Amino acid sequence: MANLSISLILTAGVLAGTLTLGPLSLYSQSEENTQIILNQPQPDDVPGFSVRVSNLVPAIGGKGRLAVELGFVNDALQFIKDKKKFKADFEVRLVLQDSLEQEVTTADWSGTIYASSFDETNSTEAYSSSLGKIDAAPGSYTLIVELKDVETGRVARQSGDVPVDADIPINLAVSPILFLKGEQLSRSFWLLGDDYDTEFAPDSTYAVAQVYNLAEDDRLVLSFKVGSGNARSDSGSVIVVGRGRISHIFAALDPTTISGDDARFKLMSAGHHSRLAVEQSIRISPVRRGRSYRNLAAAIETLVYIASRKEMDHLDSLEGEEQAAAFEAFWDSRDPTPETAENEYKTEYYRRVAIANERFKYHEEGWRTEMGRVFILIGPPQYVDEPGRSDLSGRGFGTREFVVWVYSTYQRRVIFERIGSDFRIVNYGEIFDLLGDEMRM
C-alpha cells in the first residue's frame, strides 16, 4: 500500500446492550486529524518513498504521538548479495520543527529488506513499508522524514506540516486506521502497549485502530467489510474488549481485497440498534518516485537504441528542467497505458538496461555492448548455446568461440563471436528487423 486517501463517516447512536453513547467526538475523525500523506517527487539520485502520518494518543498522557509509516519499492534501494539472497539496509530519521524552524525532537530507526533474486531487487512492484513513531507536546509542527540507503549513502527527504494532539475524546471514538503486516505489529509494542499479548501472523495484513473510552471489560462487537470495484471483497467481525482510556482493534484482512485503487474499509458496531460507523477509503497508488533514473544525461544516452536521430538531437540541445521535461515527454509518447501511473515500457526499458550493465560489462558499460543491445531491444533469449558447443560445426566457423541466443518466439537466433573480451554479432543481417527502432516487450 503506497498511499491512502481518507474519507470518514460517523453518526451518533446507541450500541446494543447497556452501553449508551452520546454524540461522538470528531477527534481523529476530522479531515485534518486523520492521516497525512507526504509523497513528493524525489530528485533522480535519491531513493523514492512516500510517508503516511497518523495522529494517535500514547498510553501516557501529556504528549501526542505520530505514527509514521514509510513506503518504498525495491528499486529505490541498493541491494547487495547476502548468502543466497540479496539485502538492502536503510535508516530513517524523523525531525519535528516548530514554527521558528527550531528542532524540537527527533527519532531514528533502521531496517533491512530482502529479495530472493537479482530481478526482484530492481522491482518497481515489490513494496515494503517501515513503521516508527515520534512523540511531542500538543501543537503544530513541520515533520521532516529522511530515508538513507545505507549501501550508497544516498538520502531522500519528505516534509510537511502536521498537528500533534494528546487529548482523549470525551465520548467513544476511533482513531485513524492503520493497515499493517503482522510482523510490523509484533515489533510495535509502542503502538499496542506492553501488556498486549496478541499473536499476529507475520504475512497477514491487519486493520489496526485505537478505540477511546470503552469501559474496562465492556465488549464492543464490530463488523467490517473491505471491497473494491474489482468485485473482490472481505468481511468479518472483531470483538474489542474495553481497557478504559485506550483499547485496540485488530482485524485480519485478505490482502487481495485492498490492492485496488478503489478499495474501501467499513467498520460498524454489530448491534441491531447501532449507529456507529467508520468508513475509510483506501486508495492505493505507486510511490511517486520522481524520475526512475539516477542520472539524466546517462538515461538519455541509453535512448540511442529506440530514439530517432531527431529526438536525440532535440534532447541533447536542451539543458536543466527543459531537458528533463522533454525526456518525460519522450516516454509519455511511448506509454502503452497512459491512463495508469506506471509507464510499463519505460520501466521495462530501464530494467533491461540495469540487467545489461550487470551481466555484460566488459571494457565498457554493459548496455553499450552488442549483447547488451540485443538484450535491451529483444529481451532475454529462451535458450542459450554456451561457448564450445558444436552446433555451428560444418558452417565454416572453424574453431572460433561463439555464443548463440535462441528466440523461439521469433524463430530466430543471434550468433555472437568472442573477439577479445567482448562478443560481437555475426549474423546481423538475419536479425536486422528485430533490432529496429523500438523495444519488443
Protein backbone atom coordinates (compact mmCIF):
# COMPACT_ATOMS: atom_id res chain seq x y z
CA MET A 1 0.00 0.00 0.00
CA ALA A 2 1.60 3.20 -1.07
CA ASN A 3 -0.97 5.93 -0.44
CA LEU A 4 -4.24 6.27 1.43
CA SER A 5 -6.86 8.91 0.73
CA ILE A 6 -9.15 9.01 3.74
CA SER A 7 -12.90 9.55 3.90
CA LEU A 8 -14.63 9.00 7.26
CA ILE A 9 -18.33 8.90 8.13
CA LEU A 10 -19.55 8.94 11.75
CA THR A 11 -23.06 9.01 13.16
CA ALA A 12 -24.25 9.12 16.76
CA GLY A 13 -26.38 6.44 18.32
CA VAL A 14 -26.78 3.56 20.76
CA LEU A 15 -24.89 0.30 20.89
CA ALA A 16 -26.60 -2.96 21.76
CA GLY A 17 -26.56 -3.77 25.45
CA THR A 18 -26.35 -1.34 28.32
CA LEU A 19 -23.68 0.97 26.92
CA THR A 20 -25.24 4.27 25.81
CA LEU A 21 -23.32 6.80 23.74
CA GLY A 22 -23.83 10.49 23.34
CA PRO A 23 -22.75 12.37 20.21
CA LEU A 24 -19.39 11.07 19.08
CA SER A 25 -16.39 13.38 19.23
CA LEU A 26 -14.85 14.03 15.84
CA TYR A 27 -11.36 13.94 17.26
CA SER A 28 -9.14 11.96 14.86
CA GLN A 29 -12.12 11.52 12.54
CA SER A 30 -11.97 15.03 11.09
CA GLU A 31 -10.12 15.51 7.83
CA GLU A 32 -7.16 17.36 9.36
CA ASN A 33 -6.68 14.77 12.09
CA THR A 34 -6.93 11.53 10.14
CA GLN A 35 -3.86 10.73 8.07
CA ILE A 36 -1.44 12.98 6.25
CA ILE A 37 0.28 11.80 3.09
CA LEU A 38 3.75 13.06 2.13
CA ASN A 39 4.56 11.85 -1.37
CA GLN A 40 6.65 14.49 -3.08
CA PRO A 41 8.64 13.52 -6.21
CA GLN A 42 12.30 12.95 -5.39
CA PRO A 43 15.44 14.01 -7.27
CA ASP A 44 16.81 11.41 -9.63
CA ASP A 45 19.78 10.48 -7.43
CA VAL A 46 17.97 9.56 -4.17
CA PRO A 47 15.53 6.80 -3.12
CA GLY A 48 11.87 7.47 -3.88
CA PHE A 49 9.47 6.92 -0.97
CA SER A 50 6.14 8.03 0.47
CA VAL A 51 5.07 8.77 4.04
CA ARG A 52 1.77 8.25 5.83
CA VAL A 53 1.35 10.04 9.18
CA SER A 54 -1.39 9.15 11.69
CA ASN A 55 -2.17 11.14 14.84
CA LEU A 56 -2.55 8.69 17.75
CA VAL A 57 -2.67 9.00 21.53
CA PRO A 58 0.06 7.36 23.63
CA ALA A 59 -0.77 5.36 26.73
CA ILE A 60 0.74 8.01 29.00
CA GLY A 61 -0.89 11.45 28.88
CA GLY A 62 0.75 14.80 28.25
CA LYS A 63 2.19 14.15 24.80
CA GLY A 64 0.75 13.23 21.44
CA ARG A 65 2.09 10.57 19.10
CA LEU A 66 2.62 10.48 15.36
CA ALA A 67 2.77 7.01 13.80
CA VAL A 68 4.96 7.43 10.71
CA GLU A 69 4.91 4.76 8.01
CA LEU A 70 7.35 4.87 5.08
CA GLY A 71 6.59 3.06 1.83
CA PHE A 72 9.03 2.30 -0.99
CA VAL A 73 9.64 -0.18 -3.79
CA ASN A 74 12.70 -2.42 -4.04
CA ASP A 75 14.18 -0.46 -6.93
CA ALA A 76 14.56 2.57 -4.63
CA LEU A 77 17.40 0.94 -2.65
CA GLN A 78 20.74 -0.65 -3.49
CA PHE A 79 20.90 -4.38 -2.74
CA ILE A 80 23.99 -6.44 -2.04
CA LYS A 81 24.44 -10.22 -2.15
CA ASP A 82 23.86 -11.87 1.22
CA LYS A 83 24.49 -15.61 1.01
CA LYS A 84 21.74 -16.95 -1.27
CA LYS A 85 19.61 -13.80 -1.07
CA PHE A 86 20.01 -10.08 -1.61
CA LYS A 87 19.53 -7.46 1.08
CA ALA A 88 19.19 -3.69 1.33
CA ASP A 89 19.74 -1.77 4.57
CA PHE A 90 18.12 1.58 5.28
CA GLU A 91 17.97 4.14 8.07
CA VAL A 92 15.14 6.53 8.93
CA ARG A 93 15.36 9.84 10.79
CA LEU A 94 12.38 11.91 11.93
CA VAL A 95 12.68 15.56 12.95
CA LEU A 96 9.93 17.80 14.35
CA GLN A 97 10.49 21.54 13.97
CA ASP A 98 8.48 24.37 15.50
CA SER A 99 7.24 27.49 13.67
CA LEU A 100 10.69 29.07 14.07
CA GLU A 101 12.27 26.05 12.35
CA GLN A 102 13.91 25.04 15.62
CA GLU A 103 14.39 21.33 16.21
CA VAL A 104 12.01 20.10 18.93
CA THR A 105 12.62 16.35 18.96
CA THR A 106 13.97 13.55 16.77
CA ALA A 107 13.53 9.81 16.33
CA ASP A 108 15.65 7.24 14.46
CA TRP A 109 15.34 3.62 13.42
CA SER A 110 16.80 1.23 10.84
CA GLY A 111 15.67 -1.77 8.83
CA THR A 112 16.54 -4.38 6.20
CA ILE A 113 14.55 -5.78 3.28
CA TYR A 114 15.38 -8.96 1.36
CA ALA A 115 14.96 -10.13 -2.23
CA SER A 116 15.26 -13.69 -3.46
CA SER A 117 16.62 -12.85 -6.94
CA PHE A 118 18.51 -10.13 -8.77
CA ASP A 119 15.46 -9.24 -10.85
CA GLU A 120 13.45 -8.77 -7.65
CA THR A 121 15.97 -6.20 -6.40
CA ASN A 122 15.05 -3.99 -9.37
CA SER A 123 11.31 -4.49 -8.98
CA THR A 124 9.02 -1.47 -9.05
CA GLU A 125 6.15 -3.69 -7.87
CA ALA A 126 7.65 -5.28 -4.72
CA TYR A 127 6.52 -2.88 -1.99
CA SER A 128 7.91 -2.57 1.54
CA SER A 129 6.99 -0.38 4.46
CA SER A 130 8.58 0.60 7.76
CA LEU A 131 6.77 1.93 10.82
CA GLY A 132 8.08 4.25 13.54
CA LYS A 133 6.88 6.93 15.93
CA ILE A 134 7.70 10.34 17.30
CA ASP A 135 6.15 11.90 20.43
CA ALA A 136 5.75 15.60 21.19
CA ALA A 137 3.71 18.08 23.19
CA PRO A 138 0.47 19.17 21.50
CA GLY A 139 0.97 21.78 18.79
CA SER A 140 1.63 22.40 15.11
CA TYR A 141 4.93 21.26 13.66
CA THR A 142 6.85 20.61 10.48
CA LEU A 143 7.78 16.94 10.17
CA ILE A 144 10.94 16.11 8.21
CA VAL A 145 11.43 12.46 7.22
CA GLU A 146 14.76 11.25 5.85
CA LEU A 147 15.36 7.83 4.27
CA LYS A 148 19.00 6.80 3.86
CA ASP A 149 20.17 3.99 1.59
CA VAL A 150 22.99 2.59 3.71
CA GLU A 151 24.86 0.93 0.83
CA THR A 152 25.16 4.09 -1.30
CA GLY A 153 24.77 6.76 1.38
CA ARG A 154 22.02 8.46 -0.66
CA VAL A 155 19.46 10.34 1.44
CA ALA A 156 15.92 11.30 0.37
CA ARG A 157 13.67 13.73 2.23
CA GLN A 158 9.96 14.37 2.62
CA SER A 159 8.47 17.15 4.76
CA GLY A 160 5.08 18.62 5.64
CA ASP A 161 3.05 20.36 8.33
CA VAL A 162 1.49 18.06 10.94
CA PRO A 163 -0.64 18.63 14.04
CA VAL A 164 0.05 16.76 17.29
CA ASP A 165 -2.88 16.30 19.68
CA ALA A 166 -2.84 14.48 23.03
CA ASP A 167 -6.45 14.99 24.09
CA ILE A 168 -8.67 11.97 24.53
CA PRO A 169 -12.22 12.43 23.16
CA ILE A 170 -14.95 12.81 25.75
CA ASN A 171 -17.06 10.03 24.24
CA LEU A 172 -16.40 6.76 22.43
CA ALA A 173 -14.33 7.36 19.30
CA VAL A 174 -11.98 5.61 16.89
CA SER A 175 -8.53 6.73 15.75
CA PRO A 176 -7.27 6.70 12.15
CA ILE A 177 -6.94 3.14 10.85
CA LEU A 178 -3.52 1.71 10.03
CA PHE A 179 -3.06 -1.24 7.69
CA LEU A 180 -0.02 -3.19 8.85
CA LYS A 181 1.66 -6.56 8.37
CA GLY A 182 1.67 -8.91 11.31
CA GLU A 183 5.45 -8.77 11.51
CA GLN A 184 5.24 -4.99 11.93
CA LEU A 185 2.65 -5.30 14.69
CA SER A 186 4.70 -7.88 16.56
CA ARG A 187 7.54 -5.35 16.77
CA SER A 188 5.34 -2.33 17.54
CA PHE A 189 4.96 -2.53 21.32
CA TRP A 190 4.82 1.28 21.42
CA LEU A 191 1.60 1.11 19.41
CA LEU A 192 -0.07 -1.76 21.25
CA GLY A 193 1.10 -1.30 24.82
CA ASP A 194 3.48 -3.65 26.58
CA ASP A 195 0.66 -5.61 28.22
CA TYR A 196 -0.86 -6.84 24.94
CA ASP A 197 -0.04 -10.50 24.27
CA THR A 198 -1.88 -10.87 20.96
CA GLU A 199 -0.12 -13.05 18.37
CA PHE A 200 -0.12 -11.93 14.73
CA ALA A 201 0.53 -13.99 11.60
CA PRO A 202 3.68 -12.39 10.10
CA ASP A 203 2.46 -12.27 6.48
CA SER A 204 -1.15 -11.32 7.21
CA THR A 205 -2.45 -7.77 6.88
CA TYR A 206 -4.37 -6.19 9.77
CA ALA A 207 -6.56 -3.14 10.17
CA VAL A 208 -5.43 -1.54 13.43
CA ALA A 209 -7.01 1.36 15.30
CA GLN A 210 -7.30 2.82 18.78
CA VAL A 211 -10.72 2.88 20.47
CA TYR A 212 -11.14 5.57 23.09
CA ASN A 213 -13.29 5.43 26.25
CA LEU A 214 -14.54 1.86 26.12
CA ALA A 215 -15.02 0.93 29.80
CA GLU A 216 -12.91 -1.88 31.18
CA ASP A 217 -14.28 -5.33 30.40
CA ASP A 218 -17.08 -3.92 28.22
CA ARG A 219 -17.23 -5.68 24.88
CA LEU A 220 -17.84 -3.90 21.62
CA VAL A 221 -18.68 -6.13 18.64
CA LEU A 222 -17.67 -4.54 15.34
CA SER A 223 -18.22 -5.86 11.84
CA PHE A 224 -16.04 -4.84 8.93
CA LYS A 225 -16.15 -5.09 5.18
CA VAL A 226 -13.44 -4.47 2.61
CA GLY A 227 -14.16 -4.29 -1.08
CA SER A 228 -13.47 -2.55 -4.34
CA GLY A 229 -14.87 -2.20 -7.82
CA ASN A 230 -12.93 -5.25 -8.98
CA ALA A 231 -15.51 -7.43 -7.13
CA ARG A 232 -13.05 -8.74 -4.54
CA SER A 233 -14.42 -8.43 -1.03
CA ASP A 234 -13.72 -9.48 2.51
CA SER A 235 -15.85 -9.28 5.63
CA GLY A 236 -15.78 -10.37 9.23
CA SER A 237 -16.22 -9.22 12.79
CA VAL A 238 -13.96 -8.36 15.68
CA ILE A 239 -14.60 -8.07 19.43
CA VAL A 240 -12.95 -5.19 21.26
CA VAL A 241 -12.52 -5.74 25.00
CA GLY A 242 -12.60 -2.45 26.87
CA ARG A 243 -9.44 -1.30 28.58
CA GLY A 244 -10.66 2.12 29.69
CA ARG A 245 -8.80 5.04 28.19
CA ILE A 246 -7.38 3.26 25.12
CA SER A 247 -8.35 -0.09 23.62
CA HIS A 248 -7.36 -1.53 20.25
CA ILE A 249 -8.97 -3.03 17.15
CA PHE A 250 -7.12 -5.79 15.29
CA ALA A 251 -8.96 -7.08 12.21
CA ALA A 252 -7.20 -9.62 9.98
CA LEU A 253 -7.80 -8.86 6.27
CA ASP A 254 -7.48 -10.64 2.97
CA PRO A 255 -4.68 -8.60 1.30
CA THR A 256 -6.09 -9.19 -2.20
CA THR A 257 -9.10 -7.06 -1.30
CA ILE A 258 -7.05 -3.97 -0.51
CA SER A 259 -4.93 -3.91 -3.63
CA GLY A 260 -7.29 -1.95 -5.85
CA ASP A 261 -7.40 1.80 -6.38
CA ASP A 262 -10.98 1.99 -5.13
CA ALA A 263 -10.79 -0.30 -2.09
CA ARG A 264 -12.82 0.80 0.95
CA PHE A 265 -12.75 -0.33 4.57
CA LYS A 266 -16.02 -0.08 6.51
CA LEU A 267 -16.22 -0.62 10.25
CA MET A 268 -19.51 -0.58 12.22
CA SER A 269 -20.90 -1.82 15.51
CA ALA A 270 -22.78 -5.05 15.03
CA GLY A 271 -25.72 -4.45 17.39
CA HIS A 272 -29.24 -4.21 15.99
CA HIS A 273 -29.68 -0.60 17.13
CA SER A 274 -26.15 0.52 16.47
CA ARG A 275 -25.45 3.71 14.61
CA LEU A 276 -21.69 3.84 15.00
CA ALA A 277 -19.92 3.52 11.65
CA VAL A 278 -16.49 4.43 10.32
CA GLU A 279 -15.77 4.24 6.61
CA GLN A 280 -12.28 4.77 5.24
CA SER A 281 -11.48 4.64 1.55
CA ILE A 282 -8.15 3.12 0.67
CA ARG A 283 -6.64 4.50 -2.48
CA ILE A 284 -3.60 2.51 -3.49
CA SER A 285 -1.18 4.20 -5.88
CA PRO A 286 2.51 3.70 -6.70
CA VAL A 287 5.09 5.64 -4.76
CA ARG A 288 5.84 8.82 -6.67
CA ARG A 289 9.46 8.10 -7.23
CA GLY A 290 10.07 11.15 -9.32
CA ARG A 291 12.49 10.15 -12.06
CA SER A 292 13.21 6.45 -12.48
CA TYR A 293 16.86 7.03 -13.32
CA ARG A 294 19.91 8.08 -11.36
CA ASN A 295 21.45 10.48 -13.88
CA LEU A 296 19.54 12.31 -16.60
CA ALA A 297 22.43 12.53 -19.06
CA ALA A 298 23.10 8.79 -18.73
CA ALA A 299 19.40 7.99 -19.04
CA ILE A 300 19.16 9.99 -22.25
CA GLU A 301 22.31 8.39 -23.64
CA THR A 302 20.78 4.91 -23.40
CA LEU A 303 17.86 6.00 -25.61
CA VAL A 304 20.04 5.71 -28.70
CA TYR A 305 18.56 2.25 -29.38
CA ILE A 306 14.94 3.45 -29.65
CA ALA A 307 15.03 7.21 -30.26
CA SER A 308 15.30 8.75 -33.72
CA ARG A 309 18.23 10.99 -34.59
CA LYS A 310 15.85 13.96 -34.47
CA GLU A 311 14.67 13.02 -30.96
CA MET A 312 18.23 12.54 -29.72
CA ASP A 313 19.35 15.87 -31.19
CA HIS A 314 16.41 17.61 -29.54
CA LEU A 315 17.17 16.12 -26.12
CA ASP A 316 20.89 16.92 -26.44
CA SER A 317 20.13 20.55 -27.37
CA LEU A 318 18.32 21.23 -24.07
CA GLU A 319 19.51 21.71 -20.51
CA GLY A 320 18.17 21.56 -16.97
CA GLU A 321 14.43 21.37 -16.42
CA GLU A 322 13.70 21.79 -20.13
CA GLN A 323 15.72 18.69 -20.88
CA ALA A 324 14.04 16.77 -18.04
CA ALA A 325 10.58 17.79 -19.31
CA ALA A 326 11.45 16.74 -22.88
CA PHE A 327 12.77 13.43 -21.57
CA GLU A 328 9.50 12.73 -19.75
CA ALA A 329 7.54 13.76 -22.87
CA PHE A 330 9.59 11.26 -24.87
CA TRP A 331 8.48 8.48 -22.56
CA ASP A 332 4.90 9.73 -22.30
CA SER A 333 4.59 9.32 -26.07
CA ARG A 334 5.51 5.63 -25.66
CA ASP A 335 3.35 4.85 -22.62
CA PRO A 336 1.16 1.85 -23.56
CA THR A 337 -1.29 2.60 -20.71
CA PRO A 338 -1.38 6.40 -20.25
CA GLU A 339 -4.44 6.09 -18.00
CA THR A 340 -2.29 4.42 -15.28
CA ALA A 341 0.51 5.82 -13.13
CA GLU A 342 3.03 3.24 -14.37
CA ASN A 343 4.71 3.52 -17.77
CA GLU A 344 5.39 -0.17 -18.38
CA TYR A 345 7.51 0.46 -21.49
CA LYS A 346 9.80 2.87 -19.64
CA THR A 347 10.04 0.60 -16.59
CA GLU A 348 10.96 -2.43 -18.71
CA TYR A 349 13.48 -0.49 -20.77
CA TYR A 350 15.48 0.70 -17.77
CA ARG A 351 15.13 -2.69 -16.10
CA ARG A 352 16.83 -4.26 -19.12
CA VAL A 353 19.49 -1.54 -19.14
CA ALA A 354 20.27 -2.29 -15.49
CA ILE A 355 20.48 -6.05 -16.15
CA ALA A 356 22.68 -5.48 -19.21
CA ASN A 357 25.05 -3.35 -17.14
CA GLU A 358 25.23 -6.13 -14.56
CA ARG A 359 25.71 -9.09 -16.91
CA PHE A 360 27.54 -7.86 -19.99
CA LYS A 361 30.09 -5.35 -18.73
CA TYR A 362 33.49 -5.92 -20.25
CA HIS A 363 35.70 -2.96 -21.13
CA GLU A 364 32.64 -0.69 -21.34
CA GLU A 365 29.19 -0.39 -19.79
CA GLY A 366 27.01 -3.43 -20.40
CA TRP A 367 24.26 -1.56 -22.25
CA ARG A 368 26.81 -0.39 -24.85
CA THR A 369 27.87 -3.93 -25.78
CA GLU A 370 26.24 -5.82 -28.62
CA MET A 371 24.91 -8.40 -26.19
CA GLY A 372 23.50 -5.54 -24.15
CA ARG A 373 21.84 -4.02 -27.19
CA VAL A 374 20.19 -7.30 -28.16
CA PHE A 375 19.05 -7.94 -24.58
CA ILE A 376 17.52 -4.44 -24.30
CA LEU A 377 15.74 -4.49 -27.65
CA ILE A 378 14.59 -8.12 -27.85
CA GLY A 379 14.71 -9.26 -24.23
CA PRO A 380 16.18 -12.42 -22.70
CA PRO A 381 16.57 -15.43 -25.03
CA GLN A 382 14.56 -18.59 -24.49
CA TYR A 383 17.67 -20.73 -24.83
CA VAL A 384 21.44 -20.16 -24.86
CA ASP A 385 24.13 -22.28 -26.54
CA GLU A 386 27.24 -21.69 -24.43
CA PRO A 387 30.77 -21.30 -25.92
CA GLY A 388 32.30 -24.56 -27.04
CA ARG A 389 29.04 -26.12 -28.19
CA SER A 390 29.31 -27.79 -31.62
CA ASP A 391 26.02 -26.90 -33.29
CA LEU A 392 27.85 -24.43 -35.58
CA SER A 393 30.28 -27.02 -36.86
CA GLY A 394 30.27 -27.56 -40.60
CA ARG A 395 29.19 -23.98 -41.31
CA GLY A 396 32.67 -22.64 -41.90
CA PHE A 397 33.17 -21.18 -38.44
CA GLY A 398 36.14 -23.36 -37.64
CA THR A 399 37.26 -23.38 -34.01
CA ARG A 400 36.26 -19.83 -33.16
CA GLU A 401 34.28 -19.31 -29.95
CA PHE A 402 30.58 -18.49 -30.23
CA VAL A 403 27.50 -17.99 -28.07
CA VAL A 404 24.06 -18.44 -29.61
CA TRP A 405 20.88 -16.87 -28.22
CA VAL A 406 17.74 -18.64 -29.39
CA TYR A 407 14.49 -16.66 -29.61
CA SER A 408 11.84 -19.28 -30.32
CA THR A 409 9.13 -16.59 -30.17
CA TYR A 410 10.53 -15.03 -33.36
CA GLN A 411 12.04 -18.27 -34.73
CA ARG A 412 15.42 -16.58 -34.86
CA ARG A 413 18.80 -16.89 -33.23
CA VAL A 414 21.52 -14.35 -32.59
CA ILE A 415 25.08 -15.59 -33.04
CA PHE A 416 27.83 -13.82 -31.08
CA GLU A 417 31.55 -14.37 -31.69
CA ARG A 418 34.06 -13.73 -28.94
CA ILE A 419 36.54 -11.07 -30.02
CA GLY A 420 38.97 -10.33 -27.24
CA SER A 421 36.93 -9.88 -24.07
CA ASP A 422 33.74 -8.93 -25.92
CA PHE A 423 31.14 -10.69 -28.08
CA ARG A 424 30.09 -9.33 -31.48
CA ILE A 425 27.08 -10.20 -33.63
CA VAL A 426 27.96 -12.47 -36.55
CA ASN A 427 24.58 -12.77 -38.31
CA TYR A 428 23.47 -9.15 -38.11
CA GLY A 429 21.73 -9.31 -41.48
CA GLU A 430 19.44 -12.09 -40.25
CA ILE A 431 18.20 -10.15 -37.22
CA PHE A 432 18.27 -6.59 -38.56
CA ASP A 433 14.49 -6.26 -38.36
CA LEU A 434 14.46 -7.36 -34.69
CA LEU A 435 16.85 -4.55 -33.83
CA GLY A 436 14.53 -1.90 -35.20
CA ASP A 437 13.50 1.40 -33.73
CA GLU A 438 11.51 0.14 -30.72
CA MET A 439 11.98 -2.35 -27.93
CA ARG A 440 9.99 -5.59 -28.11
CA MET A 441 8.04 -6.15 -24.91
